[in-house]
N, C-alpha and C. Protein backbone atom coordinates (compact mmCIF):
# COMPACT_ATOMS: atom_id res chain seq x y z
N MET A 1 1.20 -1.80 -54.63
CA MET A 1 -0.26 -1.39 -54.17
C MET A 1 -0.74 -2.65 -53.36
N VAL A 2 -1.57 -2.18 -52.27
CA VAL A 2 -2.22 -3.25 -51.48
C VAL A 2 -3.61 -3.74 -51.85
N ASN A 3 -3.61 -4.86 -51.96
CA ASN A 3 -4.92 -5.44 -52.58
C ASN A 3 -5.86 -5.24 -51.47
N PRO A 4 -6.95 -4.23 -51.78
CA PRO A 4 -8.09 -4.10 -50.81
C PRO A 4 -8.98 -5.43 -50.34
N ARG A 5 -9.06 -6.32 -51.28
CA ARG A 5 -9.71 -7.65 -50.89
C ARG A 5 -9.01 -8.42 -49.79
N HIS A 6 -7.37 -8.29 -50.02
CA HIS A 6 -6.63 -9.11 -49.28
C HIS A 6 -6.48 -8.31 -47.93
N SER A 7 -6.47 -7.13 -47.62
CA SER A 7 -6.60 -6.40 -46.26
C SER A 7 -8.06 -6.70 -45.53
N SER A 8 -9.00 -6.50 -46.35
CA SER A 8 -10.38 -6.59 -45.88
C SER A 8 -10.54 -8.27 -45.10
N LEU A 9 -9.92 -9.34 -45.97
CA LEU A 9 -9.82 -10.61 -45.46
C LEU A 9 -8.85 -10.74 -44.18
N ASP A 10 -7.78 -9.94 -44.25
CA ASP A 10 -6.90 -10.08 -42.91
C ASP A 10 -7.57 -9.34 -41.84
N ALA A 11 -8.45 -8.49 -42.00
CA ALA A 11 -9.30 -7.71 -40.99
C ALA A 11 -10.44 -8.81 -40.42
N LYS A 12 -11.07 -9.30 -41.18
CA LYS A 12 -12.14 -10.07 -41.00
C LYS A 12 -11.63 -11.22 -40.00
N THR A 13 -10.27 -11.87 -40.68
CA THR A 13 -9.75 -13.05 -39.94
C THR A 13 -9.30 -12.36 -38.57
N ASP A 14 -8.64 -11.14 -38.29
CA ASP A 14 -8.20 -10.91 -37.27
C ASP A 14 -9.30 -10.59 -36.26
N LEU A 15 -10.61 -10.06 -36.61
CA LEU A 15 -11.78 -9.99 -35.90
C LEU A 15 -12.26 -11.23 -35.53
N ALA A 16 -12.19 -12.20 -36.11
CA ALA A 16 -12.85 -13.68 -36.06
C ALA A 16 -11.99 -14.25 -34.70
N ASN A 17 -10.47 -14.09 -35.09
CA ASN A 17 -9.49 -14.55 -33.97
C ASN A 17 -9.87 -14.06 -32.84
N ARG A 18 -10.00 -12.55 -32.49
CA ARG A 18 -10.40 -12.04 -31.62
C ARG A 18 -11.72 -12.30 -30.71
N LEU A 19 -12.49 -12.51 -31.56
CA LEU A 19 -13.97 -12.94 -31.04
C LEU A 19 -13.93 -14.09 -30.57
N PHE A 20 -13.45 -15.10 -31.43
CA PHE A 20 -13.41 -16.69 -30.80
C PHE A 20 -12.38 -16.73 -29.26
N PHE A 21 -11.36 -15.73 -29.25
CA PHE A 21 -10.50 -15.93 -28.31
C PHE A 21 -11.41 -15.24 -27.05
N ARG A 22 -12.21 -14.22 -27.26
CA ARG A 22 -12.92 -13.71 -26.20
C ARG A 22 -13.99 -14.61 -25.70
N LEU A 23 -14.79 -15.39 -26.65
CA LEU A 23 -15.58 -16.39 -26.35
C LEU A 23 -15.07 -17.28 -25.31
N TYR A 24 -13.78 -17.86 -25.50
CA TYR A 24 -12.95 -18.57 -25.13
C TYR A 24 -12.87 -18.11 -23.56
N GLN A 25 -12.35 -16.93 -23.46
CA GLN A 25 -12.08 -16.31 -22.23
C GLN A 25 -13.45 -16.36 -21.48
N CYS A 26 -14.54 -15.95 -22.13
CA CYS A 26 -15.79 -15.85 -21.26
C CYS A 26 -16.22 -17.07 -20.82
N ALA A 27 -15.97 -18.06 -21.62
CA ALA A 27 -16.52 -19.52 -21.14
C ALA A 27 -15.43 -19.82 -19.86
N ASN A 28 -14.39 -19.45 -19.70
CA ASN A 28 -13.54 -19.83 -18.68
C ASN A 28 -13.82 -18.78 -17.52
N MET A 29 -14.21 -17.62 -17.72
CA MET A 29 -14.64 -16.90 -16.57
C MET A 29 -15.81 -17.05 -15.86
N LEU A 30 -16.83 -17.73 -17.11
CA LEU A 30 -17.94 -18.19 -16.37
C LEU A 30 -17.94 -19.18 -15.64
N HIS A 31 -17.02 -20.26 -15.98
CA HIS A 31 -16.70 -21.38 -15.31
C HIS A 31 -16.12 -20.80 -13.79
N LYS A 32 -15.48 -20.10 -13.79
CA LYS A 32 -14.56 -19.54 -12.71
C LYS A 32 -15.43 -18.97 -11.63
N THR A 33 -16.17 -17.95 -12.37
CA THR A 33 -17.04 -16.84 -11.35
C THR A 33 -18.04 -17.42 -11.16
N GLY A 34 -18.92 -18.27 -12.03
CA GLY A 34 -20.19 -18.67 -11.89
C GLY A 34 -20.11 -19.99 -10.86
N THR A 35 -18.98 -20.67 -10.91
CA THR A 35 -18.79 -21.80 -9.79
C THR A 35 -18.49 -20.95 -8.36
N ARG A 36 -17.81 -20.09 -8.40
CA ARG A 36 -17.83 -19.53 -7.00
C ARG A 36 -19.30 -18.78 -6.75
N ALA A 37 -19.68 -18.41 -7.46
CA ALA A 37 -21.32 -18.07 -7.18
C ALA A 37 -22.37 -18.77 -6.36
N VAL A 38 -21.89 -20.25 -6.74
CA VAL A 38 -22.89 -21.43 -6.15
C VAL A 38 -22.12 -22.51 -5.36
N GLU A 39 -20.71 -22.07 -5.27
CA GLU A 39 -19.96 -23.09 -4.61
C GLU A 39 -20.29 -23.42 -3.06
N GLU A 40 -21.07 -22.67 -2.32
CA GLU A 40 -21.45 -22.73 -0.92
C GLU A 40 -22.56 -23.88 -0.85
N GLU A 41 -23.29 -23.94 -1.97
CA GLU A 41 -24.25 -24.96 -2.29
C GLU A 41 -23.69 -26.21 -2.65
N GLY A 42 -22.37 -26.33 -2.82
CA GLY A 42 -21.50 -27.55 -3.36
C GLY A 42 -21.77 -27.88 -4.89
N LEU A 43 -22.15 -26.72 -5.58
CA LEU A 43 -22.39 -26.62 -7.08
C LEU A 43 -21.11 -26.24 -7.95
N THR A 44 -21.10 -26.78 -9.06
CA THR A 44 -20.29 -26.20 -10.30
C THR A 44 -21.00 -25.51 -11.27
N THR A 45 -20.63 -24.91 -12.41
CA THR A 45 -21.46 -24.37 -13.08
C THR A 45 -21.95 -25.45 -14.25
N GLN A 46 -21.14 -26.55 -14.22
CA GLN A 46 -21.83 -27.71 -14.82
C GLN A 46 -22.98 -28.23 -14.39
N GLN A 47 -22.87 -28.64 -12.90
CA GLN A 47 -24.20 -28.87 -12.13
C GLN A 47 -25.18 -28.02 -12.01
N TRP A 48 -25.08 -26.74 -11.95
CA TRP A 48 -25.98 -25.47 -12.29
C TRP A 48 -26.61 -25.83 -13.72
N ALA A 49 -25.82 -26.05 -14.59
CA ALA A 49 -26.63 -26.27 -15.88
C ALA A 49 -27.45 -27.44 -16.06
N VAL A 50 -27.13 -28.61 -15.28
CA VAL A 50 -27.90 -29.70 -15.30
C VAL A 50 -29.29 -29.54 -14.45
N LEU A 51 -28.68 -28.80 -13.10
CA LEU A 51 -29.90 -28.71 -12.60
C LEU A 51 -31.00 -27.75 -13.37
N GLY A 52 -30.50 -26.76 -13.86
CA GLY A 52 -31.32 -25.72 -14.71
C GLY A 52 -32.03 -26.50 -15.76
N ALA A 53 -31.63 -27.34 -16.20
CA ALA A 53 -32.22 -28.44 -17.45
C ALA A 53 -33.32 -29.11 -16.72
N LEU A 54 -32.96 -29.69 -15.68
CA LEU A 54 -33.84 -30.53 -14.93
C LEU A 54 -35.17 -29.90 -14.50
N SER A 55 -34.86 -28.57 -14.16
CA SER A 55 -36.02 -27.84 -13.50
C SER A 55 -36.90 -27.27 -14.69
N ARG A 56 -36.74 -27.32 -15.86
CA ARG A 56 -37.72 -26.89 -17.03
C ARG A 56 -38.91 -27.84 -16.95
N GLU A 57 -40.27 -27.29 -16.99
CA GLU A 57 -41.29 -28.11 -17.05
C GLU A 57 -41.39 -29.33 -17.75
N LYS A 58 -40.63 -29.14 -18.91
CA LYS A 58 -41.03 -30.29 -19.82
C LYS A 58 -39.91 -31.32 -19.39
N SER A 59 -39.06 -31.21 -18.30
CA SER A 59 -38.23 -32.09 -17.63
C SER A 59 -38.92 -32.96 -16.33
N GLN A 60 -39.48 -32.72 -15.88
CA GLN A 60 -40.34 -32.89 -14.58
C GLN A 60 -40.54 -34.41 -14.61
N GLY A 61 -40.94 -35.07 -15.60
CA GLY A 61 -41.02 -36.60 -15.57
C GLY A 61 -39.85 -37.38 -15.86
N GLY A 62 -38.48 -36.51 -15.96
CA GLY A 62 -37.25 -37.01 -16.16
C GLY A 62 -36.64 -37.17 -17.58
N VAL A 63 -35.61 -36.92 -17.59
CA VAL A 63 -34.92 -36.75 -18.83
C VAL A 63 -33.80 -37.70 -19.15
N SER A 64 -33.85 -38.39 -20.38
CA SER A 64 -32.94 -39.33 -20.58
C SER A 64 -31.40 -38.95 -20.79
N ILE A 65 -30.22 -39.51 -20.39
CA ILE A 65 -29.01 -39.16 -20.24
C ILE A 65 -28.78 -38.52 -21.56
N GLY A 66 -29.25 -39.20 -22.79
CA GLY A 66 -29.01 -38.95 -24.21
C GLY A 66 -29.28 -37.62 -24.49
N ASP A 67 -30.85 -37.51 -23.97
CA ASP A 67 -31.45 -36.17 -24.24
C ASP A 67 -30.88 -34.98 -23.58
N LEU A 68 -30.48 -35.30 -22.45
CA LEU A 68 -29.86 -34.17 -21.58
C LEU A 68 -28.46 -33.84 -22.21
N ALA A 69 -27.51 -34.80 -22.60
CA ALA A 69 -26.51 -34.49 -23.14
C ALA A 69 -26.45 -33.73 -24.29
N ARG A 70 -27.66 -33.94 -25.34
CA ARG A 70 -27.90 -32.99 -26.59
C ARG A 70 -28.41 -31.84 -26.14
N TYR A 71 -29.22 -31.67 -25.21
CA TYR A 71 -29.51 -30.32 -24.66
C TYR A 71 -28.33 -29.53 -24.36
N LEU A 72 -27.57 -30.17 -23.23
CA LEU A 72 -26.59 -29.28 -22.61
C LEU A 72 -25.10 -29.25 -23.69
N MET A 73 -25.52 -30.03 -24.86
CA MET A 73 -24.51 -30.07 -25.95
C MET A 73 -22.91 -30.64 -25.31
N VAL A 74 -23.19 -31.64 -24.57
CA VAL A 74 -21.94 -32.19 -23.84
C VAL A 74 -21.85 -33.55 -24.36
N SER A 75 -20.60 -34.24 -24.06
CA SER A 75 -20.74 -35.67 -24.67
C SER A 75 -21.32 -36.51 -23.55
N ARG A 76 -21.90 -37.77 -23.74
CA ARG A 76 -22.52 -38.72 -22.94
C ARG A 76 -21.47 -39.02 -21.75
N GLN A 77 -20.27 -39.15 -22.08
CA GLN A 77 -19.06 -39.59 -21.15
C GLN A 77 -18.99 -38.65 -20.06
N ASN A 78 -18.90 -37.26 -20.43
CA ASN A 78 -18.78 -36.31 -19.54
C ASN A 78 -19.69 -36.04 -18.62
N LEU A 79 -21.29 -36.29 -19.22
CA LEU A 79 -22.35 -36.21 -18.43
C LEU A 79 -22.31 -37.16 -17.28
N SER A 80 -22.14 -38.23 -17.85
CA SER A 80 -22.14 -39.66 -17.23
C SER A 80 -21.57 -39.48 -15.72
N GLY A 81 -20.12 -38.88 -15.72
CA GLY A 81 -19.31 -38.80 -14.55
C GLY A 81 -20.18 -37.70 -13.74
N LEU A 82 -20.66 -36.58 -14.41
CA LEU A 82 -21.20 -35.59 -13.68
C LEU A 82 -22.44 -35.99 -12.88
N ILE A 83 -23.21 -36.55 -13.70
CA ILE A 83 -24.45 -36.94 -12.99
C ILE A 83 -24.24 -38.24 -11.80
N SER A 84 -23.14 -38.91 -12.06
CA SER A 84 -22.89 -39.70 -10.87
C SER A 84 -22.29 -39.09 -9.74
N ARG A 85 -21.55 -38.00 -9.88
CA ARG A 85 -21.42 -37.00 -8.64
C ARG A 85 -22.84 -36.55 -7.91
N MET A 86 -23.58 -36.03 -9.00
CA MET A 86 -24.88 -35.24 -8.13
C MET A 86 -25.71 -36.36 -7.93
N GLU A 87 -25.59 -37.72 -8.26
CA GLU A 87 -26.43 -38.74 -7.80
C GLU A 87 -25.89 -38.92 -6.18
N ARG A 88 -24.77 -39.10 -6.08
CA ARG A 88 -23.86 -39.25 -4.85
C ARG A 88 -24.29 -38.15 -3.94
N ASP A 89 -24.43 -36.90 -4.41
CA ASP A 89 -24.48 -35.70 -3.53
C ASP A 89 -25.95 -35.65 -3.14
N GLY A 90 -26.93 -36.23 -3.86
CA GLY A 90 -28.44 -36.31 -3.88
C GLY A 90 -29.12 -35.22 -4.47
N HIS A 91 -28.63 -34.84 -5.33
CA HIS A 91 -29.02 -33.68 -6.20
C HIS A 91 -30.32 -34.22 -7.46
N VAL A 92 -29.66 -35.56 -7.83
CA VAL A 92 -30.63 -36.12 -8.84
C VAL A 92 -30.64 -37.64 -8.38
N ALA A 93 -31.67 -38.36 -9.32
CA ALA A 93 -31.71 -39.73 -9.20
C ALA A 93 -31.58 -40.07 -10.47
N VAL A 94 -31.18 -41.49 -10.77
CA VAL A 94 -31.08 -42.11 -12.03
C VAL A 94 -31.92 -43.64 -11.84
N ALA A 95 -32.85 -43.72 -12.96
CA ALA A 95 -33.18 -45.11 -12.98
C ALA A 95 -33.51 -45.50 -14.43
N ALA A 96 -33.81 -46.67 -14.51
CA ALA A 96 -34.34 -47.06 -15.73
C ALA A 96 -35.36 -46.89 -16.41
N SER A 97 -35.55 -46.48 -17.45
CA SER A 97 -36.47 -45.62 -18.07
C SER A 97 -38.14 -46.70 -18.16
N GLY A 98 -39.13 -46.36 -17.94
CA GLY A 98 -40.20 -47.31 -18.08
C GLY A 98 -40.53 -47.69 -19.51
N HIS A 99 -40.14 -46.82 -20.68
CA HIS A 99 -40.31 -47.31 -22.06
C HIS A 99 -39.21 -48.00 -22.57
N ASP A 100 -37.86 -48.07 -22.08
CA ASP A 100 -36.77 -48.78 -22.68
C ASP A 100 -35.79 -48.91 -21.40
N ARG A 101 -35.91 -50.15 -20.92
CA ARG A 101 -35.04 -50.44 -19.71
C ARG A 101 -33.64 -50.24 -20.02
N ARG A 102 -33.02 -49.91 -21.22
CA ARG A 102 -31.41 -49.87 -21.40
C ARG A 102 -31.36 -48.15 -21.27
N SER A 103 -32.49 -47.42 -21.26
CA SER A 103 -32.25 -46.01 -21.07
C SER A 103 -32.39 -45.61 -19.63
N ARG A 104 -31.54 -44.80 -19.48
CA ARG A 104 -31.61 -44.10 -18.11
C ARG A 104 -32.10 -42.76 -17.90
N MET A 105 -32.92 -42.60 -17.03
CA MET A 105 -33.75 -41.59 -16.85
C MET A 105 -33.15 -40.41 -15.64
N VAL A 106 -33.14 -39.42 -15.69
CA VAL A 106 -32.40 -38.53 -14.71
C VAL A 106 -33.36 -37.39 -14.32
N THR A 107 -33.89 -37.53 -13.07
CA THR A 107 -34.61 -36.47 -12.43
C THR A 107 -34.03 -35.63 -11.20
N MET A 108 -34.35 -34.41 -10.68
CA MET A 108 -34.14 -33.72 -9.89
C MET A 108 -34.58 -34.29 -8.49
N THR A 109 -33.89 -34.53 -7.50
CA THR A 109 -34.48 -35.03 -6.20
C THR A 109 -35.42 -34.00 -5.37
N GLU A 110 -35.88 -33.94 -4.33
CA GLU A 110 -36.44 -33.19 -3.52
C GLU A 110 -35.06 -32.18 -2.96
N ALA A 111 -34.28 -32.77 -2.49
CA ALA A 111 -33.14 -32.35 -1.97
C ALA A 111 -32.40 -31.38 -3.04
N GLY A 112 -32.35 -31.98 -4.10
CA GLY A 112 -31.85 -31.20 -5.45
C GLY A 112 -32.66 -30.06 -5.67
N ARG A 113 -33.97 -30.13 -5.64
CA ARG A 113 -35.08 -28.90 -5.79
C ARG A 113 -34.82 -27.94 -4.93
N HIS A 114 -34.62 -28.26 -3.81
CA HIS A 114 -34.31 -27.26 -2.44
C HIS A 114 -32.86 -26.54 -2.81
N VAL A 115 -31.85 -27.28 -3.10
CA VAL A 115 -30.63 -26.51 -3.48
C VAL A 115 -31.07 -25.69 -4.79
N TRP A 116 -31.47 -26.15 -5.75
CA TRP A 116 -31.70 -25.26 -6.68
C TRP A 116 -32.58 -23.94 -6.66
N GLN A 117 -33.85 -24.25 -5.94
CA GLN A 117 -34.66 -23.17 -5.94
C GLN A 117 -34.41 -22.19 -4.76
N ASP A 118 -34.19 -22.77 -3.51
CA ASP A 118 -34.16 -22.17 -2.38
C ASP A 118 -32.92 -21.35 -2.22
N LEU A 119 -31.66 -22.39 -2.45
CA LEU A 119 -30.26 -21.69 -2.31
C LEU A 119 -29.51 -21.19 -3.71
N ALA A 120 -29.62 -21.93 -4.53
CA ALA A 120 -28.74 -21.40 -5.69
C ALA A 120 -29.31 -20.39 -6.62
N LEU A 121 -30.54 -20.61 -7.06
CA LEU A 121 -31.04 -19.57 -7.75
C LEU A 121 -30.96 -18.16 -7.48
N PRO A 122 -31.37 -17.72 -5.95
CA PRO A 122 -31.07 -16.38 -5.70
C PRO A 122 -29.62 -15.92 -5.90
N LYS A 123 -28.63 -16.85 -5.69
CA LYS A 123 -27.08 -16.16 -6.03
C LYS A 123 -27.00 -16.31 -7.41
N ILE A 124 -27.89 -17.16 -8.25
CA ILE A 124 -27.53 -17.23 -9.61
C ILE A 124 -28.05 -15.79 -10.33
N TYR A 125 -29.28 -15.44 -9.68
CA TYR A 125 -29.90 -14.02 -10.08
C TYR A 125 -28.84 -13.00 -10.01
N GLY A 126 -28.28 -13.20 -8.66
CA GLY A 126 -27.25 -12.13 -8.25
C GLY A 126 -26.29 -12.09 -9.21
N TYR A 127 -25.89 -13.19 -9.70
CA TYR A 127 -24.61 -13.10 -10.29
C TYR A 127 -24.77 -12.77 -11.86
N TYR A 128 -26.13 -12.96 -12.35
CA TYR A 128 -26.66 -12.27 -13.48
C TYR A 128 -26.45 -10.93 -13.45
N GLU A 129 -27.31 -10.40 -12.34
CA GLU A 129 -27.25 -8.96 -12.17
C GLU A 129 -25.98 -8.34 -12.01
N ALA A 130 -24.89 -8.66 -11.62
CA ALA A 130 -23.60 -8.13 -11.45
C ALA A 130 -23.04 -8.32 -12.96
N ILE A 131 -23.04 -9.53 -13.61
CA ILE A 131 -22.38 -9.33 -14.72
C ILE A 131 -23.05 -8.62 -15.81
N LEU A 132 -24.42 -8.62 -15.81
CA LEU A 132 -25.07 -7.60 -16.70
C LEU A 132 -25.68 -6.17 -16.41
N ALA A 133 -24.87 -5.98 -15.23
CA ALA A 133 -25.42 -4.50 -14.57
C ALA A 133 -25.47 -3.42 -15.58
N ASP A 134 -24.47 -3.26 -16.48
CA ASP A 134 -24.40 -2.18 -17.51
C ASP A 134 -24.93 -2.55 -18.84
N PHE A 135 -25.74 -3.73 -18.74
CA PHE A 135 -26.37 -4.10 -20.22
C PHE A 135 -27.84 -3.70 -20.20
N SER A 136 -28.17 -3.03 -21.18
CA SER A 136 -29.77 -2.58 -21.47
C SER A 136 -30.31 -3.94 -21.85
N VAL A 137 -31.72 -3.89 -21.99
CA VAL A 137 -32.36 -5.00 -22.37
C VAL A 137 -32.04 -5.50 -23.85
N ASN A 138 -31.87 -4.17 -24.48
CA ASN A 138 -31.67 -4.06 -26.04
C ASN A 138 -30.08 -4.73 -26.19
N ASP A 139 -29.22 -4.56 -25.09
CA ASP A 139 -27.73 -5.07 -25.32
C ASP A 139 -28.02 -6.63 -25.18
N MET A 140 -28.66 -6.94 -24.47
CA MET A 140 -28.91 -8.54 -23.93
C MET A 140 -29.36 -8.98 -25.24
N THR A 141 -30.70 -8.57 -25.68
CA THR A 141 -31.33 -9.26 -26.80
C THR A 141 -30.39 -9.36 -28.10
N HIS A 142 -29.69 -8.29 -28.36
CA HIS A 142 -28.42 -8.22 -29.67
C HIS A 142 -27.51 -9.33 -29.17
N THR A 143 -26.95 -9.30 -28.11
CA THR A 143 -25.87 -10.34 -27.61
C THR A 143 -26.46 -11.88 -27.73
N LEU A 144 -27.83 -12.03 -27.25
CA LEU A 144 -28.14 -13.26 -27.29
C LEU A 144 -28.60 -13.66 -28.79
N HIS A 145 -29.12 -12.66 -29.67
CA HIS A 145 -29.28 -13.13 -31.17
C HIS A 145 -27.75 -13.57 -31.81
N TYR A 146 -26.76 -12.58 -31.47
CA TYR A 146 -25.52 -12.92 -32.02
C TYR A 146 -25.05 -14.47 -31.42
N LEU A 147 -24.96 -14.63 -30.39
CA LEU A 147 -24.68 -15.99 -29.88
C LEU A 147 -25.35 -17.07 -30.36
N LEU A 148 -26.61 -16.86 -30.54
CA LEU A 148 -27.46 -17.95 -31.21
C LEU A 148 -26.90 -18.07 -32.67
N LYS A 149 -26.83 -17.06 -33.29
CA LYS A 149 -26.24 -17.33 -34.77
C LYS A 149 -24.91 -17.94 -34.67
N ILE A 150 -24.13 -17.91 -33.88
CA ILE A 150 -22.72 -18.42 -33.77
C ILE A 150 -22.82 -20.01 -33.39
N LEU A 151 -23.74 -20.14 -32.47
CA LEU A 151 -24.30 -21.66 -31.99
C LEU A 151 -24.92 -22.35 -33.33
N GLU A 152 -26.00 -21.70 -33.82
CA GLU A 152 -26.37 -22.51 -35.07
C GLU A 152 -25.33 -22.80 -36.02
N ASN A 153 -24.33 -22.00 -36.49
CA ASN A 153 -23.44 -22.21 -37.42
C ASN A 153 -22.52 -23.35 -36.75
N MET A 154 -22.15 -23.20 -35.42
CA MET A 154 -21.35 -24.50 -34.92
C MET A 154 -22.16 -25.84 -35.12
N GLN A 155 -23.43 -25.82 -34.80
CA GLN A 155 -24.11 -26.93 -34.88
C GLN A 155 -24.21 -27.58 -36.32
N ARG A 156 -24.43 -26.45 -37.32
CA ARG A 156 -24.25 -26.94 -38.75
C ARG A 156 -22.98 -27.74 -39.06
N LEU A 157 -22.00 -26.99 -38.67
CA LEU A 157 -20.61 -27.79 -39.01
C LEU A 157 -20.36 -28.66 -38.22
N ASP A 158 -20.91 -29.07 -37.22
CA ASP A 158 -20.86 -30.21 -36.31
C ASP A 158 -21.62 -31.66 -37.12
N ALA A 159 -22.77 -31.00 -37.62
CA ALA A 159 -23.73 -32.14 -38.26
C ALA A 159 -22.86 -32.55 -39.59
N GLU A 160 -22.33 -31.19 -40.33
CA GLU A 160 -21.68 -31.96 -41.35
C GLU A 160 -20.50 -32.79 -41.46
N ARG A 161 -19.81 -32.43 -40.31
CA ARG A 161 -18.78 -33.53 -39.93
C ARG A 161 -19.14 -35.01 -39.49
N LEU A 162 -20.17 -34.84 -38.72
CA LEU A 162 -20.89 -36.25 -38.42
C LEU A 162 -21.23 -36.87 -39.93
N THR A 163 -22.10 -36.12 -40.55
CA THR A 163 -22.48 -36.63 -41.96
C THR A 163 -21.40 -37.13 -42.81
N ALA A 164 -20.07 -36.50 -42.59
CA ALA A 164 -19.11 -36.94 -43.53
C ALA A 164 -18.39 -38.25 -42.89
N GLU A 165 -18.26 -38.14 -41.51
CA GLU A 165 -17.77 -39.08 -40.79
C GLU A 165 -18.81 -40.48 -40.93
N ASP A 166 -20.02 -40.55 -40.83
CA ASP A 166 -20.79 -41.44 -41.32
C ASP A 166 -20.68 -42.13 -42.67
N ALA A 167 -20.52 -41.21 -43.43
CA ALA A 167 -20.12 -41.73 -45.08
C ALA A 167 -18.88 -42.44 -45.19
N GLU A 168 -17.89 -41.85 -44.56
CA GLU A 168 -16.50 -42.60 -44.55
C GLU A 168 -16.80 -44.04 -43.70
N GLU A 169 -17.41 -43.96 -42.81
CA GLU A 169 -17.63 -45.38 -42.30
C GLU A 169 -18.45 -46.20 -43.01
N ALA A 170 -19.50 -45.91 -43.71
CA ALA A 170 -20.03 -46.78 -44.64
C ALA A 170 -19.19 -47.20 -45.77
N LYS A 171 -18.49 -46.52 -46.38
CA LYS A 171 -17.63 -46.52 -47.35
C LYS A 171 -16.73 -47.58 -46.92
N ALA A 172 -16.28 -47.53 -45.71
CA ALA A 172 -15.17 -48.55 -45.25
C ALA A 172 -15.68 -49.88 -44.90
N THR A 173 -16.98 -49.96 -44.67
CA THR A 173 -17.49 -51.35 -44.38
C THR A 173 -18.11 -52.01 -45.51
N THR A 174 -18.13 -51.17 -46.73
CA THR A 174 -18.82 -52.03 -47.96
C THR A 174 -17.43 -52.61 -48.60
């Protein structure tokens, strides 16, 4: 006789595997097709994300590299290389913080603002429209809700891992 609990667990594991594989595929396709949408402006999806983050009202005075990395959920190392290329291309400026000279602040330049607002955003909105053409507002709301739940659980898991690593490090130094 088949244990119903075991087959239920197998079904949930199979669904989880399919879900995370589809998320992986979506991330890869977002990078591929999203970059194609803004490549004429010399942007990638990563640069699109940086300019989007810097275009927020609360970012107008600049954002520290650390805060930007946390907001985008990327490593400081990956972001530093990306910011260097964007600075070279004239999209962003990096300067020492007025509050803490060790902290570097990133701001969007006027050229970056032109690329973002006038050139990239219309193409990004067209990209959204094409990808979400058969989504209702309700579909988008539900999708966002579930993605946020997954993200929150991933952040919790990451925080637990960091806490465990900190405890191990403290234990090793005593």
